[in-house]
């Protein structure tokens, strides 16, 4: 996959900030090139279907889950990756309408999959194909933290919904208004950030085609911060001498 990213104002003469912007663009292109290779899977946070957990078994130290799905199994082979509610898992025992996966103790303890029971709904996404359309944002399937669902409520006089999530500090530091965040594997845009409360506007299609409708207040949800924000933080840390560039400024300038 060949990708070229250029900020809107790259024509400016070199300044400390513009040099950081150029480094940012180079880093972004490197991310996209690597993620688009066959070295490791990339997801985009566009949910392809909702599966249903039909079995959970303890096998030694691991949990073994079986997921019923109509479409995903037809495109998978044993050993392929699939994002299950935002967690990148390895598909095993693939059948016509189901697949299985092993969850290591670390995965079970550090993701929302620890709350699932037989019958639970899970969001499914296969890795992006090299010639596929980039519909959401860069998602790795590596959960950075677990948030807590505060509420999913209809907006007054609207068909849309407000989704409010309590996010931990390790996610909040990478979260900005109008920036991207992955919740339960869904690529979403932050509408408002008030302390550790992240609010996202949800359209009816998203409620209908994801597992959000099955969640209840207090449920844990998988969160993955914007990968680009992590690289920006690293660059800012390495080049902190006198630069005024911030995550909010990068968002406002079109990154």
Protein backbone atom coordinates (compact mmCIF):
# COMPACT_ATOMS: atom_id res chain seq x y z
CA UNK A 1 0.00 0.00 0.00
CA UNK A 2 1.49 3.32 -1.07
CA UNK A 3 0.47 6.32 0.99
CA UNK A 4 1.70 9.88 0.97
CA UNK A 5 0.64 12.37 3.62
CA UNK A 6 1.29 16.09 3.34
CA UNK A 7 0.06 18.77 5.78
CA UNK A 8 -1.80 21.75 4.37
CA UNK A 9 0.89 24.27 5.18
CA UNK A 10 4.11 22.42 4.41
CA UNK A 11 5.25 25.24 2.09
CA UNK A 12 6.28 27.47 5.00
CA UNK A 13 9.96 28.24 5.48
CA UNK A 14 11.75 26.01 7.99
CA UNK A 15 11.10 26.86 11.63
CA UNK A 16 11.47 24.69 14.74
CA UNK A 17 7.77 23.85 14.56
CA UNK A 18 7.71 23.22 10.81
CA UNK A 19 10.64 20.84 11.19
CA UNK A 20 8.65 18.92 13.80
CA UNK A 21 5.67 18.91 11.42
CA UNK A 22 7.87 17.46 8.68
CA UNK A 23 9.17 14.80 11.06
CA UNK A 24 5.57 14.08 12.02
CA UNK A 25 4.61 13.53 8.37
CA UNK A 26 7.62 11.28 7.82
CA UNK A 27 6.68 9.25 10.90
CA UNK A 28 3.07 8.96 9.72
CA UNK A 29 4.15 7.74 6.29
CA UNK A 30 6.46 5.22 7.95
CA UNK A 31 3.57 3.97 10.11
CA UNK A 32 1.27 3.59 7.13
CA UNK A 33 3.93 1.83 5.06
CA UNK A 34 4.74 -0.61 7.83
CA UNK A 35 1.12 -1.22 8.81
CA UNK A 36 0.17 -1.78 5.19
CA UNK A 37 2.79 -4.48 4.74
CA UNK A 38 2.27 -8.14 5.50
CA UNK A 39 4.48 -7.86 8.61
CA UNK A 40 1.56 -7.29 10.95
CA UNK A 41 -2.18 -6.62 10.63
CA UNK A 42 -3.78 -3.19 10.54
CA UNK A 43 -7.40 -2.44 11.32
CA UNK A 44 -9.36 0.75 10.73
CA UNK A 45 -12.10 0.59 13.35
CA UNK A 46 -14.89 0.02 10.82
CA UNK A 47 -16.90 -2.89 12.25
CA UNK A 48 -17.78 -5.49 9.64
CA UNK A 49 -20.20 -7.58 11.66
CA UNK A 50 -21.28 -8.42 15.19
CA UNK A 51 -20.51 -11.92 16.40
CA UNK A 52 -21.92 -13.84 19.34
CA UNK A 53 -19.85 -15.74 21.90
CA UNK A 54 -21.15 -19.31 21.99
CA UNK A 55 -18.57 -20.94 24.26
CA UNK A 56 -15.94 -20.01 26.84
CA UNK A 57 -13.67 -22.71 28.23
CA UNK A 58 -10.69 -22.76 30.55
CA UNK A 59 -7.86 -24.66 28.88
CA UNK A 60 -4.84 -24.69 31.12
CA UNK A 61 -3.92 -21.08 31.83
CA UNK A 62 -5.78 -19.76 28.76
CA UNK A 63 -9.43 -19.10 28.04
CA UNK A 64 -10.70 -20.53 24.78
CA UNK A 65 -13.65 -18.75 23.20
CA UNK A 66 -15.81 -19.69 20.24
CA UNK A 67 -17.55 -16.94 18.28
CA UNK A 68 -20.47 -17.40 15.93
CA UNK A 69 -20.36 -15.13 12.86
CA UNK A 70 -21.98 -15.20 9.43
CA UNK A 71 -19.32 -13.64 7.22
CA UNK A 72 -15.86 -13.36 8.82
CA UNK A 73 -15.12 -17.14 8.90
CA UNK A 74 -15.58 -17.39 5.13
CA UNK A 75 -12.56 -15.11 4.61
CA UNK A 76 -10.25 -16.53 7.27
CA UNK A 77 -7.66 -19.26 7.50
CA UNK A 78 -6.22 -20.79 10.64
CA UNK A 79 -3.68 -18.41 12.13
CA UNK A 80 -5.18 -15.26 10.61
CA UNK A 81 -5.73 -12.18 12.75
CA UNK A 82 -9.13 -10.78 13.61
CA UNK A 83 -10.09 -7.89 15.88
CA UNK A 84 -12.66 -8.96 18.47
CA UNK A 85 -14.10 -5.87 20.17
CA UNK A 86 -10.80 -4.14 19.50
CA UNK A 87 -8.51 -7.00 20.59
CA UNK A 88 -6.31 -8.56 17.92
CA UNK A 89 -6.68 -12.35 18.25
CA UNK A 90 -5.53 -15.37 16.26
CA UNK A 91 -8.32 -17.32 14.58
CA UNK A 92 -8.41 -21.06 15.25
CA UNK A 93 -10.76 -23.95 14.49
CA UNK A 94 -12.47 -22.06 11.67
CA UNK A 95 -15.82 -23.45 10.55
CA UNK A 96 -18.48 -22.24 8.13
CA UNK A 97 -20.18 -19.97 10.68
CA UNK A 98 -17.76 -19.77 13.60
CA UNK A 99 -14.15 -19.50 14.75
CA UNK A 100 -12.28 -19.85 18.01
CA UNK A 101 -9.43 -18.00 19.72
CA UNK A 102 -7.23 -18.42 22.77
CA UNK A 103 -7.00 -15.62 25.33
CA UNK A 104 -3.80 -15.50 27.35
CA UNK A 105 -4.14 -14.50 31.04
CA UNK A 106 -2.74 -11.05 30.17
CA UNK A 107 -5.41 -10.53 27.50
CA UNK A 108 -8.16 -11.71 29.81
CA UNK A 109 -7.03 -9.48 32.67
CA UNK A 110 -6.35 -6.30 30.68
CA UNK A 111 -9.31 -6.14 28.28
CA UNK A 112 -13.08 -5.97 28.45
CA UNK A 113 -13.22 -9.58 27.24
CA UNK A 114 -13.03 -10.54 30.92
CA UNK A 115 -16.70 -9.50 31.25
CA UNK A 116 -18.01 -11.65 28.41
CA UNK A 117 -20.29 -14.58 28.98
CA UNK A 118 -21.98 -17.02 26.63
CA UNK A 119 -24.28 -15.01 24.38
CA UNK A 120 -22.25 -11.78 24.58
CA UNK A 121 -22.04 -9.68 21.41
CA UNK A 122 -18.59 -8.77 20.08
CA UNK A 123 -17.50 -6.44 17.29
CA UNK A 124 -15.55 -8.09 14.47
CA UNK A 125 -13.17 -6.64 11.92
CA UNK A 126 -10.76 -8.44 9.60
CA UNK A 127 -7.40 -6.79 8.83
CA UNK A 128 -7.39 -4.15 6.13
CA UNK A 129 -6.35 -5.44 2.71
CA UNK A 130 -3.42 -3.75 0.98
CA UNK A 131 -5.72 -2.40 -1.73
CA UNK A 132 -8.57 -1.64 0.67
CA UNK A 133 -10.16 1.71 1.43
CA UNK A 134 -8.97 3.44 4.58
CA UNK A 135 -12.29 4.21 6.25
CA UNK A 136 -11.54 4.93 9.91
CA UNK A 137 -8.14 5.53 11.52
CA UNK A 138 -5.06 3.42 12.24
CA UNK A 139 -6.02 0.71 14.74
CA UNK A 140 -3.61 -2.02 15.83
CA UNK A 141 -5.85 -4.14 18.02
CA UNK A 142 -3.53 -3.48 20.97
CA UNK A 143 -5.71 -2.36 23.87
CA UNK A 144 -4.09 0.51 25.78
CA UNK A 145 -6.54 0.53 28.67
CA UNK A 146 -10.06 -0.29 29.80
CA UNK A 147 -12.65 2.42 30.28
CA UNK A 148 -16.07 2.31 31.93
CA UNK A 149 -19.34 2.98 30.18
CA UNK A 150 -21.08 5.87 31.91
CA UNK A 151 -24.08 6.13 29.60
CA UNK A 152 -25.41 5.68 26.07
CA UNK A 153 -28.29 8.14 25.82
CA UNK A 154 -30.43 9.55 23.04
CA UNK A 155 -29.75 13.20 22.28
CA UNK A 156 -32.84 15.33 22.89
CA UNK A 157 -34.90 15.88 19.71
CA UNK A 158 -32.43 13.80 17.69
CA UNK A 159 -31.99 10.30 16.29
CA UNK A 160 -28.38 10.31 17.49
CA UNK A 161 -26.87 9.28 20.78
CA UNK A 162 -24.29 10.52 23.28
CA UNK A 163 -21.80 7.86 24.38
CA UNK A 164 -19.97 8.81 27.58
CA UNK A 165 -16.94 6.83 28.71
CA UNK A 166 -14.76 7.19 31.80
CA UNK A 167 -11.21 6.87 30.51
CA UNK A 168 -8.04 6.11 32.51
CA UNK A 169 -5.07 8.56 32.62
CA UNK A 170 -3.00 6.50 30.19
CA UNK A 171 -5.69 7.11 27.55
CA UNK A 172 -6.67 10.66 28.51
CA UNK A 173 -3.18 11.96 27.77
CA UNK A 174 -3.60 10.99 24.09
CA UNK A 175 -7.21 12.15 23.77
CA UNK A 176 -8.17 15.53 22.29
CA UNK A 177 -11.42 17.05 21.09
CA UNK A 178 -12.07 16.11 17.44
CA UNK A 179 -9.32 13.49 17.66
CA UNK A 180 -9.74 9.75 17.11
CA UNK A 181 -10.28 7.06 19.73
CA UNK A 182 -11.07 3.38 19.36
CA UNK A 183 -13.81 2.09 21.69
CA UNK A 184 -14.61 -1.65 21.57
CA UNK A 185 -12.86 -1.73 18.20
CA UNK A 186 -14.96 1.13 16.77
CA UNK A 187 -13.23 4.15 15.24
CA UNK A 188 -14.89 7.19 16.79
CA UNK A 189 -14.34 10.94 17.00
CA UNK A 190 -14.12 12.68 20.37
CA UNK A 191 -16.85 15.31 20.65
CA UNK A 192 -15.99 16.52 24.12
CA UNK A 193 -13.40 15.81 26.79
CA UNK A 194 -14.07 16.88 30.37
CA UNK A 195 -11.45 15.56 32.74
CA UNK A 196 -11.58 11.79 32.45
CA UNK A 197 -15.01 11.78 30.79
CA UNK A 198 -14.90 11.31 27.01
CA UNK A 199 -18.10 12.02 25.06
CA UNK A 200 -18.69 10.74 21.54
CA UNK A 201 -21.66 11.33 19.23
CA UNK A 202 -23.08 8.06 17.88
CA UNK A 203 -25.26 7.82 14.79
CA UNK A 204 -28.11 5.26 14.57
CA UNK A 205 -26.15 3.09 12.09
CA UNK A 206 -23.34 2.61 14.62
CA UNK A 207 -25.78 1.67 17.39
CA UNK A 208 -27.46 -0.82 15.06
CA UNK A 209 -24.31 -2.46 13.64
CA UNK A 210 -22.08 -2.78 16.74
CA UNK A 211 -22.29 -4.24 20.23
CA UNK A 212 -22.90 -0.84 21.87
CA UNK A 213 -26.62 -1.56 22.20
CA UNK A 214 -25.86 -4.57 24.40
CA UNK A 215 -23.67 -2.72 26.91
CA UNK A 216 -24.86 -1.38 30.24
CA UNK A 217 -23.67 1.41 32.52
CA UNK A 218 -20.59 0.29 34.43
CA UNK A 219 -19.47 -2.22 31.79
CA UNK A 220 -15.77 -2.17 30.90
CA UNK A 221 -14.89 -1.17 27.32
CA UNK A 222 -11.67 -1.64 25.40
CA UNK A 223 -9.84 1.55 24.49
CA UNK A 224 -7.01 2.12 22.05
CA UNK A 225 -5.47 5.57 21.83
CA UNK A 226 -4.60 7.15 18.50
CA UNK A 227 -1.28 5.64 17.40
CA UNK A 228 -0.25 8.90 15.76
CA UNK A 229 -0.68 10.74 19.06
CA UNK A 230 1.86 8.38 20.63
CA UNK A 231 4.41 9.18 17.94
CA UNK A 232 3.70 12.90 18.33
CA UNK A 233 4.33 12.64 22.07
CA UNK A 234 7.63 10.88 21.40
CA UNK A 235 8.72 13.59 18.95
CA UNK A 236 7.70 16.35 21.33
CA UNK A 237 9.68 14.70 24.10
CA UNK A 238 12.75 14.33 21.89
CA UNK A 239 12.52 17.88 20.55
CA UNK A 240 11.06 19.70 23.52
CA UNK A 241 13.52 22.58 23.37
CA UNK A 242 11.32 25.64 22.95
CA UNK A 243 8.69 24.21 20.61
CA UNK A 244 5.12 25.48 20.95
CA UNK A 245 3.58 22.60 19.01
CA UNK A 246 0.86 20.59 20.83
CA UNK A 247 -1.48 17.72 20.02
CA UNK A 248 -4.38 20.17 19.89
CA UNK A 249 -2.49 22.38 17.42
CA UNK A 250 -1.70 19.42 15.15
CA UNK A 251 -5.39 18.47 15.11
CA UNK A 252 -6.40 22.05 14.27
CA UNK A 253 -3.91 22.15 11.40
CA UNK A 254 -5.34 19.08 9.74
CA UNK A 255 -3.23 16.15 10.92
